[in-house]
PDB file of N, CA and C in Angstrom:
ATOM      1  N   MET A   1      36.363  55.975  48.213  1.00  0.00           N
ATOM      2  CA  MET A   1      37.074  57.125  48.662  1.00  0.00           C
ATOM      3  C   MET A   1      36.185  58.179  49.417  1.00  0.00           C
ATOM      4  N   ALA A   2      34.920  58.224  49.002  1.00  0.00           N
ATOM      5  CA  ALA A   2      33.908  59.084  49.651  1.00  0.00           C
ATOM      6  C   ALA A   2      33.729  58.776  51.034  1.00  0.00           C
ATOM      7  N   GLY A   3      33.791  57.439  51.377  1.00  0.00           N
ATOM      8  CA  GLY A   3      33.499  57.045  52.655  1.00  0.00           C
ATOM      9  C   GLY A   3      34.670  57.514  53.674  1.00  0.00           C
ATOM     10  N   ARG A   4      35.862  57.451  53.134  1.00  0.00           N
ATOM     11  CA  ARG A   4      36.972  58.019  53.918  1.00  0.00           C
ATOM     12  C   ARG A   4      36.851  59.420  54.215  1.00  0.00           C
ATOM     13  N   ARG A   5      36.509  60.263  53.175  1.00  0.00           N
ATOM     14  CA  ARG A   5      36.264  61.733  53.477  1.00  0.00           C
ATOM     15  C   ARG A   5      35.236  61.945  54.432  1.00  0.00           C
ATOM     16  N   GLU A   6      34.129  61.183  54.464  1.00  0.00           N
ATOM     17  CA  GLU A   6      33.102  61.319  55.405  1.00  0.00           C
ATOM     18  C   GLU A   6      33.678  61.032  56.827  1.00  0.00           C
ATOM     19  N   LYS A   7      34.401  59.955  56.963  1.00  0.00           N
ATOM     20  CA  LYS A   7      35.072  59.588  58.202  1.00  0.00           C
ATOM     21  C   LYS A   7      35.806  60.651  58.693  1.00  0.00           C
ATOM     22  N   LYS A   8      36.648  61.221  57.815  1.00  0.00           N
ATOM     23  CA  LYS A   8      37.745  62.237  58.371  1.00  0.00           C
ATOM     24  C   LYS A   8      36.896  63.440  59.064  1.00  0.00           C
ATOM     25  N   ASN A   9      35.832  63.703  58.596  1.00  0.00           N
ATOM     26  CA  ASN A   9      35.090  64.878  59.238  1.00  0.00           C
ATOM     27  C   ASN A   9      34.660  64.505  60.598  1.00  0.00           C
ATOM     28  N   THR A  10      34.571  63.224  60.931  1.00  0.00           N
ATOM     29  CA  THR A  10      34.072  62.977  62.201  1.00  0.00           C
ATOM     30  C   THR A  10      35.260  63.036  63.316  1.00  0.00           C
ATOM     31  N   ILE A  11      36.471  63.004  62.932  1.00  0.00           N
ATOM     32  CA  ILE A  11      37.563  63.184  63.854  1.00  0.00           C
ATOM     33  C   ILE A  11      38.193  64.594  63.594  1.00  0.00           C
ATOM     34  N   GLN A  12      38.236  65.367  64.509  1.00  0.00           N
ATOM     35  CA  GLN A  12      38.647  66.725  64.390  1.00  0.00           C
ATOM     36  C   GLN A  12      39.863  67.095  65.205  1.00  0.00           C
ATOM     37  N   GLY A  13      40.811  67.586  64.532  1.00  0.00           N
ATOM     38  CA  GLY A  13      42.070  68.135  65.208  1.00  0.00           C
ATOM     39  C   GLY A  13      41.926  69.183  66.309  1.00  0.00           C
ATOM     40  N   LYS A  14      40.698  70.000  66.138  1.00  0.00           N
ATOM     41  CA  LYS A  14      40.485  70.985  67.119  1.00  0.00           C
ATOM     42  C   LYS A  14      40.371  70.546  68.421  1.00  0.00           C
ATOM     43  N   TRP A  15      39.971  69.200  68.653  1.00  0.00           N
ATOM     44  CA  TRP A  15      39.893  68.617  70.019  1.00  0.00           C
ATOM     45  C   TRP A  15      41.211  68.516  70.701  1.00  0.00           C
ATOM     46  N   LEU A  16      42.256  68.197  69.834  1.00  0.00           N
ATOM     47  CA  LEU A  16      43.596  68.158  70.498  1.00  0.00           C
ATOM     48  C   LEU A  16      44.071  69.507  70.903  1.00  0.00           C
ATOM     49  N   LYS A  17      43.767  70.519  69.996  1.00  0.00           N
ATOM     50  CA  LYS A  17      44.171  71.950  70.219  1.00  0.00           C
ATOM     51  C   LYS A  17      43.470  72.326  71.604  1.00  0.00           C
ATOM     52  N   GLU A  18      42.124  71.926  71.748  1.00  0.00           N
ATOM     53  CA  GLU A  18      41.480  72.453  72.865  1.00  0.00           C
ATOM     54  C   GLU A  18      41.982  71.635  74.153  1.00  0.00           C
ATOM     55  N   ALA A  19      42.426  70.493  74.046  1.00  0.00           N
ATOM     56  CA  ALA A  19      42.943  69.678  75.197  1.00  0.00           C
ATOM     57  C   ALA A  19      44.205  70.220  75.537  1.00  0.00           C
ATOM     58  N   LEU A  20      44.987  70.580  74.546  1.00  0.00           N
ATOM     59  CA  LEU A  20      46.347  71.193  74.874  1.00  0.00           C
ATOM     60  C   LEU A  20      46.236  72.630  75.711  1.00  0.00           C
ATOM     61  N   ALA A  21      45.229  73.402  75.141  1.00  0.00           N
ATOM     62  CA  ALA A  21      44.947  74.645  75.780  1.00  0.00           C
ATOM     63  C   ALA A  21      44.539  74.502  77.298  1.00  0.00           C
ATOM     64  N   ALA A  22      43.675  73.486  77.437  1.00  0.00           N
ATOM     65  CA  ALA A  22      43.232  73.162  78.784  1.00  0.00           C
ATOM     66  C   ALA A  22      44.343  72.710  79.782  1.00  0.00           C
ATOM     67  N   GLN A  23      45.393  72.126  79.194  1.00  0.00           N
ATOM     68  CA  GLN A  23      46.571  71.743  79.882  1.00  0.00           C
ATOM     69  C   GLN A  23      47.641  72.762  79.968  1.00  0.00           C
ATOM     70  N   GLU A  24      47.278  73.963  79.503  1.00  0.00           N
ATOM     71  CA  GLU A  24      48.174  75.109  79.306  1.00  0.00           C
ATOM     72  C   GLU A  24      49.527  74.651  78.639  1.00  0.00           C
ATOM     73  N   MET A  25      49.303  73.980  77.555  1.00  0.00           N
ATOM     74  CA  MET A  25      50.474  73.368  76.834  1.00  0.00           C
ATOM     75  C   MET A  25      50.427  73.838  75.277  1.00  0.00           C
ATOM     76  N   THR A  26      51.463  74.002  74.788  1.00  0.00           N
ATOM     77  CA  THR A  26      51.625  74.521  73.307  1.00  0.00           C
ATOM     78  C   THR A  26      51.736  73.214  72.402  1.00  0.00           C
ATOM     79  N   VAL A  27      51.680  73.273  71.095  1.00  0.00           N
ATOM     80  CA  VAL A  27      51.823  72.339  70.222  1.00  0.00           C
ATOM     81  C   VAL A  27      53.467  72.003  70.345  1.00  0.00           C
ATOM     82  N   TYR A  28      54.266  73.109  70.393  1.00  0.00           N
ATOM     83  CA  TYR A  28      55.654  73.215  70.425  1.00  0.00           C
ATOM     84  C   TYR A  28      56.093  72.162  71.498  1.00  0.00           C
ATOM     85  N   ARG A  29      55.614  72.424  72.790  1.00  0.00           N
ATOM     86  CA  ARG A  29      56.007  71.700  73.904  1.00  0.00           C
ATOM     87  C   ARG A  29      55.530  70.263  73.675  1.00  0.00           C
ATOM     88  N   LEU A  30      54.380  69.944  73.223  1.00  0.00           N
ATOM     89  CA  LEU A  30      53.974  68.537  73.064  1.00  0.00           C
ATOM     90  C   LEU A  30      54.919  67.827  72.086  1.00  0.00           C
ATOM     91  N   ALA A  31      55.179  68.528  70.965  1.00  0.00           N
ATOM     92  CA  ALA A  31      56.178  67.877  70.098  1.00  0.00           C
ATOM     93  C   ALA A  31      57.547  67.736  70.497  1.00  0.00           C
ATOM     94  N   LYS A  32      57.973  68.644  71.256  1.00  0.00           N
ATOM     95  CA  LYS A  32      59.420  68.527  71.835  1.00  0.00           C
ATOM     96  C   LYS A  32      59.401  67.359  72.926  1.00  0.00           C
ATOM     97  N   GLU A  33      58.422  67.307  73.739  1.00  0.00           N
ATOM     98  CA  GLU A  33      58.491  66.252  74.805  1.00  0.00           C
ATOM     99  C   GLU A  33      58.256  64.876  74.335  1.00  0.00           C
ATOM    100  N   LEU A  34      57.629  64.739  73.077  1.00  0.00           N
ATOM    101  CA  LEU A  34      57.387  63.387  72.508  1.00  0.00           C
ATOM    102  C   LEU A  34      58.438  63.080  71.418  1.00  0.00           C
ATOM    103  N   GLY A  35      59.248  64.085  71.048  1.00  0.00           N
ATOM    104  CA  GLY A  35      60.255  63.833  70.082  1.00  0.00           C
ATOM    105  C   GLY A  35      59.773  63.787  68.612  1.00  0.00           C
ATOM    106  N   TYR A  36      58.638  64.555  68.363  1.00  0.00           N
ATOM    107  CA  TYR A  36      58.062  64.674  66.990  1.00  0.00           C
ATOM    108  C   TYR A  36      58.309  66.114  66.431  1.00  0.00           C
ATOM    109  N   SER A  37      58.084  66.327  65.100  1.00  0.00           N
ATOM    110  CA  SER A  37      57.999  67.581  64.728  1.00  0.00           C
ATOM    111  C   SER A  37      56.695  68.261  64.952  1.00  0.00           C
ATOM    112  N   ARG A  38      56.656  69.551  65.080  1.00  0.00           N
ATOM    113  CA  ARG A  38      55.430  70.214  65.251  1.00  0.00           C
ATOM    114  C   ARG A  38      54.492  70.138  64.159  1.00  0.00           C
ATOM    115  N   GLU A  39      54.928  69.967  62.955  1.00  0.00           N
ATOM    116  CA  GLU A  39      54.103  69.814  61.808  1.00  0.00           C
ATOM    117  C   GLU A  39      53.227  68.544  61.931  1.00  0.00           C
ATOM    118  N   LYS A  40      53.695  67.538  62.500  1.00  0.00           N
ATOM    119  CA  LYS A  40      52.820  66.344  62.759  1.00  0.00           C
ATOM    120  C   LYS A  40      51.509  66.818  63.442  1.00  0.00           C
ATOM    121  N   PHE A  41      51.576  67.623  64.497  1.00  0.00           N
ATOM    122  CA  PHE A  41      50.390  68.004  65.180  1.00  0.00           C
ATOM    123  C   PHE A  41      49.754  69.050  64.554  1.00  0.00           C
ATOM    124  N   TYR A  42      50.477  69.944  63.857  1.00  0.00           N
ATOM    125  CA  TYR A  42      49.700  70.973  63.076  1.00  0.00           C
ATOM    126  C   TYR A  42      48.866  70.425  61.895  1.00  0.00           C
ATOM    127  N   ARG A  43      49.386  69.469  61.342  1.00  0.00           N
ATOM    128  CA  ARG A  43      48.576  68.777  60.274  1.00  0.00           C
ATOM    129  C   ARG A  43      47.402  68.183  60.781  1.00  0.00           C
ATOM    130  N   HIS A  44      47.443  67.525  62.008  1.00  0.00           N
ATOM    131  CA  HIS A  44      46.242  66.947  62.625  1.00  0.00           C
ATOM    132  C   HIS A  44      45.292  68.095  63.023  1.00  0.00           C
ATOM    133  N   ILE A  45      45.789  69.156  63.686  1.00  0.00           N
ATOM    134  CA  ILE A  45      44.831  70.208  64.159  1.00  0.00           C
ATOM    135  C   ILE A  45      44.198  70.799  62.959  1.00  0.00           C
ATOM    136  N   GLY A  46      44.846  70.931  61.694  1.00  0.00           N
ATOM    137  CA  GLY A  46      44.322  71.415  60.532  1.00  0.00           C
ATOM    138  C   GLY A  46      43.412  70.391  59.810  1.00  0.00           C
ATOM    139  N   ASN A  47      43.116  69.313  60.346  1.00  0.00           N
ATOM    140  CA  ASN A  47      42.316  68.266  59.869  1.00  0.00           C
ATOM    141  C   ASN A  47      42.853  67.613  58.456  1.00  0.00           C
ATOM    142  N   LYS A  48      44.133  67.612  58.366  1.00  0.00           N
ATOM    143  CA  LYS A  48      44.847  67.036  57.115  1.00  0.00           C
ATOM    144  C   LYS A  48      45.274  65.710  57.394  1.00  0.00           C
ATOM    145  N   THR A  49      45.575  65.238  58.552  1.00  0.00           N
ATOM    146  CA  THR A  49      46.023  63.975  58.891  1.00  0.00           C
ATOM    147  C   THR A  49      45.507  63.523  60.220  1.00  0.00           C
ATOM    148  N   TYR A  50      45.467  62.118  60.361  1.00  0.00           N
ATOM    149  CA  TYR A  50      45.140  61.493  61.683  1.00  0.00           C
ATOM    150  C   TYR A  50      46.422  61.310  62.462  1.00  0.00           C
ATOM    151  N   LEU A  51      46.243  61.224  63.762  1.00  0.00           N
ATOM    152  CA  LEU A  51      47.357  60.754  64.596  1.00  0.00           C
ATOM    153  C   LEU A  51      47.371  59.229  64.654  1.00  0.00           C
ATOM    154  N   SER A  52      48.486  58.606  64.679  1.00  0.00           N
ATOM    155  CA  SER A  52      48.553  57.162  64.786  1.00  0.00           C
ATOM    156  C   SER A  52      48.180  56.781  66.259  1.00  0.00           C
ATOM    157  N   SER A  53      47.839  55.475  66.347  1.00  0.00           N
ATOM    158  CA  SER A  53      47.642  54.907  67.754  1.00  0.00           C
ATOM    159  C   SER A  53      48.827  54.909  68.503  1.00  0.00           C
ATOM    160  N   GLU A  54      49.924  54.751  67.979  1.00  0.00           N
ATOM    161  CA  GLU A  54      51.210  54.952  68.684  1.00  0.00           C
ATOM    162  C   GLU A  54      51.425  56.448  69.291  1.00  0.00           C
ATOM    163  N   SER A  55      51.118  57.372  68.403  1.00  0.00           N
ATOM    164  CA  SER A  55      51.281  58.857  68.892  1.00  0.00           C
ATOM    165  C   SER A  55      50.222  59.145  70.071  1.00  0.00           C
ATOM    166  N   LEU A  56      48.959  58.678  69.863  1.00  0.00           N
ATOM    167  CA  LEU A  56      47.944  58.786  70.802  1.00  0.00           C
ATOM    168  C   LEU A  56      48.282  58.070  72.111  1.00  0.00           C
ATOM    169  N   ALA A  57      48.880  56.917  71.973  1.00  0.00           N
ATOM    170  CA  ALA A  57      49.325  56.243  73.283  1.00  0.00           C
ATOM    171  C   ALA A  57      50.417  56.974  73.887  1.00  0.00           C
ATOM    172  N   GLU A  58      51.412  57.447  73.229  1.00  0.00           N
ATOM    173  CA  GLU A  58      52.471  58.335  73.777  1.00  0.00           C
ATOM    174  C   GLU A  58      51.845  59.575  74.487  1.00  0.00           C
ATOM    175  N   ILE A  59      50.934  60.233  73.781  1.00  0.00           N
ATOM    176  CA  ILE A  59      50.335  61.362  74.522  1.00  0.00           C
ATOM    177  C   ILE A  59      49.682  60.976  75.838  1.00  0.00           C
ATOM    178  N   ALA A  60      48.876  59.904  75.723  1.00  0.00           N
ATOM    179  CA  ALA A  60      48.198  59.373  76.949  1.00  0.00           C
ATOM    180  C   ALA A  60      49.123  59.090  78.061  1.00  0.00           C
ATOM    181  N   THR A  61      50.205  58.422  77.760  1.00  0.00           N
ATOM    182  CA  THR A  61      51.080  58.112  78.705  1.00  0.00           C
ATOM    183  C   THR A  61      51.898  59.356  79.340  1.00  0.00           C
ATOM    184  N   LYS A  62      52.342  60.240  78.413  1.00  0.00           N
ATOM    185  CA  LYS A  62      53.043  61.396  78.998  1.00  0.00           C
ATOM    186  C   LYS A  62      52.165  62.374  79.603  1.00  0.00           C
ATOM    187  N   PHE A  63      50.949  62.560  79.300  1.00  0.00           N
ATOM    188  CA  PHE A  63      50.062  63.410  79.875  1.00  0.00           C
ATOM    189  C   PHE A  63      48.767  62.693  80.373  1.00  0.00           C
ATOM    190  N   PRO A  64      48.976  62.083  81.482  1.00  0.00           N
ATOM    191  CA  PRO A  64      47.733  61.142  81.996  1.00  0.00           C
ATOM    192  C   PRO A  64      46.475  61.928  82.342  1.00  0.00           C
ATOM    193  N   THR A  65      46.597  63.438  82.570  1.00  0.00           N
ATOM    194  CA  THR A  65      45.378  64.089  82.786  1.00  0.00           C
ATOM    195  C   THR A  65      44.554  64.506  81.631  1.00  0.00           C
ATOM    196  N   MET A  66      45.260  64.372  80.340  1.00  0.00           N
ATOM    197  CA  MET A  66      44.577  64.686  79.192  1.00  0.00           C
ATOM    198  C   MET A  66      43.516  63.673  78.811  1.00  0.00           C
ATOM    199  N   ASN A  67      42.320  64.027  78.639  1.00  0.00           N
ATOM    200  CA  ASN A  67      41.145  63.084  78.326  1.00  0.00           C
ATOM    201  C   ASN A  67      41.346  62.691  76.926  1.00  0.00           C
ATOM    202  N   MET A  68      41.734  61.424  76.595  1.00  0.00           N
ATOM    203  CA  MET A  68      41.998  60.945  75.303  1.00  0.00           C
ATOM    204  C   MET A  68      40.660  60.661  74.605  1.00  0.00           C
ATOM    205  N   ARG A  69      39.599  60.467  75.303  1.00  0.00           N
ATOM    206  CA  ARG A  69      38.214  60.391  74.743  1.00  0.00           C
ATOM    207  C   ARG A  69      37.920  61.657  74.067  1.00  0.00           C
ATOM    208  N   TYR A  70      38.156  62.718  74.771  1.00  0.00           N
ATOM    209  CA  TYR A  70      37.940  64.067  74.224  1.00  0.00           C
ATOM    210  C   TYR A  70      38.646  64.294  72.993  1.00  0.00           C
ATOM    211  N   VAL A  71      39.936  64.024  73.024  1.00  0.00           N
ATOM    212  CA  VAL A  71      40.847  64.234  71.905  1.00  0.00           C
ATOM    213  C   VAL A  71      40.288  63.482  70.713  1.00  0.00           C
ATOM    214  N   LEU A  72      39.910  62.245  70.961  1.00  0.00           N
ATOM    215  CA  LEU A  72      39.270  61.424  69.755  1.00  0.00           C
ATOM    216  C   LEU A  72      37.856  61.888  69.310  1.00  0.00           C
ATOM    217  N   THR A  73      36.975  62.217  70.217  1.00  0.00           N
ATOM    218  CA  THR A  73      35.656  62.276  69.942  1.00  0.00           C
ATOM    219  C   THR A  73      34.947  63.680  70.296  1.00  0.00           C
ATOM    220  N   GLY A  74      35.635  64.390  70.989  1.00  0.00           N
ATOM    221  CA  GLY A  74      35.099  65.727  71.412  1.00  0.00           C
ATOM    222  C   GLY A  74      34.074  65.561  72.594  1.00  0.00           C
ATOM    223  N   GLU A  75      33.926  64.462  73.113  1.00  0.00           N
ATOM    224  CA  GLU A  75      32.931  64.163  74.229  1.00  0.00           C
ATOM    225  C   GLU A  75      33.608  64.327  75.568  1.00  0.00           C
ATOM    226  N   GLY A  76      32.850  64.884  76.463  1.00  0.00           N
ATOM    227  CA  GLY A  76      33.462  65.020  77.797  1.00  0.00           C
ATOM    228  C   GLY A  76      34.132  66.418  77.963  1.00  0.00           C
ATOM    229  N   LYS A  77      35.036  66.334  78.895  1.00  0.00           N
ATOM    230  CA  LYS A  77      35.975  67.512  79.210  1.00  0.00           C
ATOM    231  C   LYS A  77      37.331  67.248  78.807  1.00  0.00           C
ATOM    232  N   PRO A  78      38.070  68.270  78.370  1.00  0.00           N
ATOM    233  CA  PRO A  78      39.510  67.982  77.983  1.00  0.00           C
ATOM    234  C   PRO A  78      40.428  67.395  79.073  1.00  0.00           C
ATOM    235  N   ILE A  79      40.061  67.711  80.292  1.00  0.00           N
ATOM    236  CA  ILE A  79      41.110  67.227  81.307  1.00  0.00           C
ATOM    237  C   ILE A  79      40.319  66.298  82.282  1.00  0.00           C
ATOM    238  N   ILE A  80      40.961  65.249  82.611  1.00  0.00           N
ATOM    239  CA  ILE A  80      40.624  64.324  83.543  1.00  0.00           C
ATOM    240  C   ILE A  80      40.796  64.771  84.948  1.00  0.00           C
ATOM    241  N   SER A  81      39.885  64.995  85.808  1.00  0.00           N
ATOM    242  CA  SER A  81      40.126  65.409  87.151  1.00  0.00           C
ATOM    243  C   SER A  81      40.917  64.386  87.986  1.00  0.00           C
TER     244      SER A  81
END
């Protein structure tokens, strides 16, 4: 169990929040456009849950300028030019 806790600290929801801000988008708009509850994303931003690969794929498809590498790792810039 300790290993999982250590892993969780390496993926941070703040990167999604920063990527959304760079896109001038709110969590509400993201959730509405993807058909999810806002709580799904707020829990991730609060580092309480992970996003599924399906959710990440939907974000990448719907918002192609959002840098998914940044959302996952914090590396690079939040927006793809």
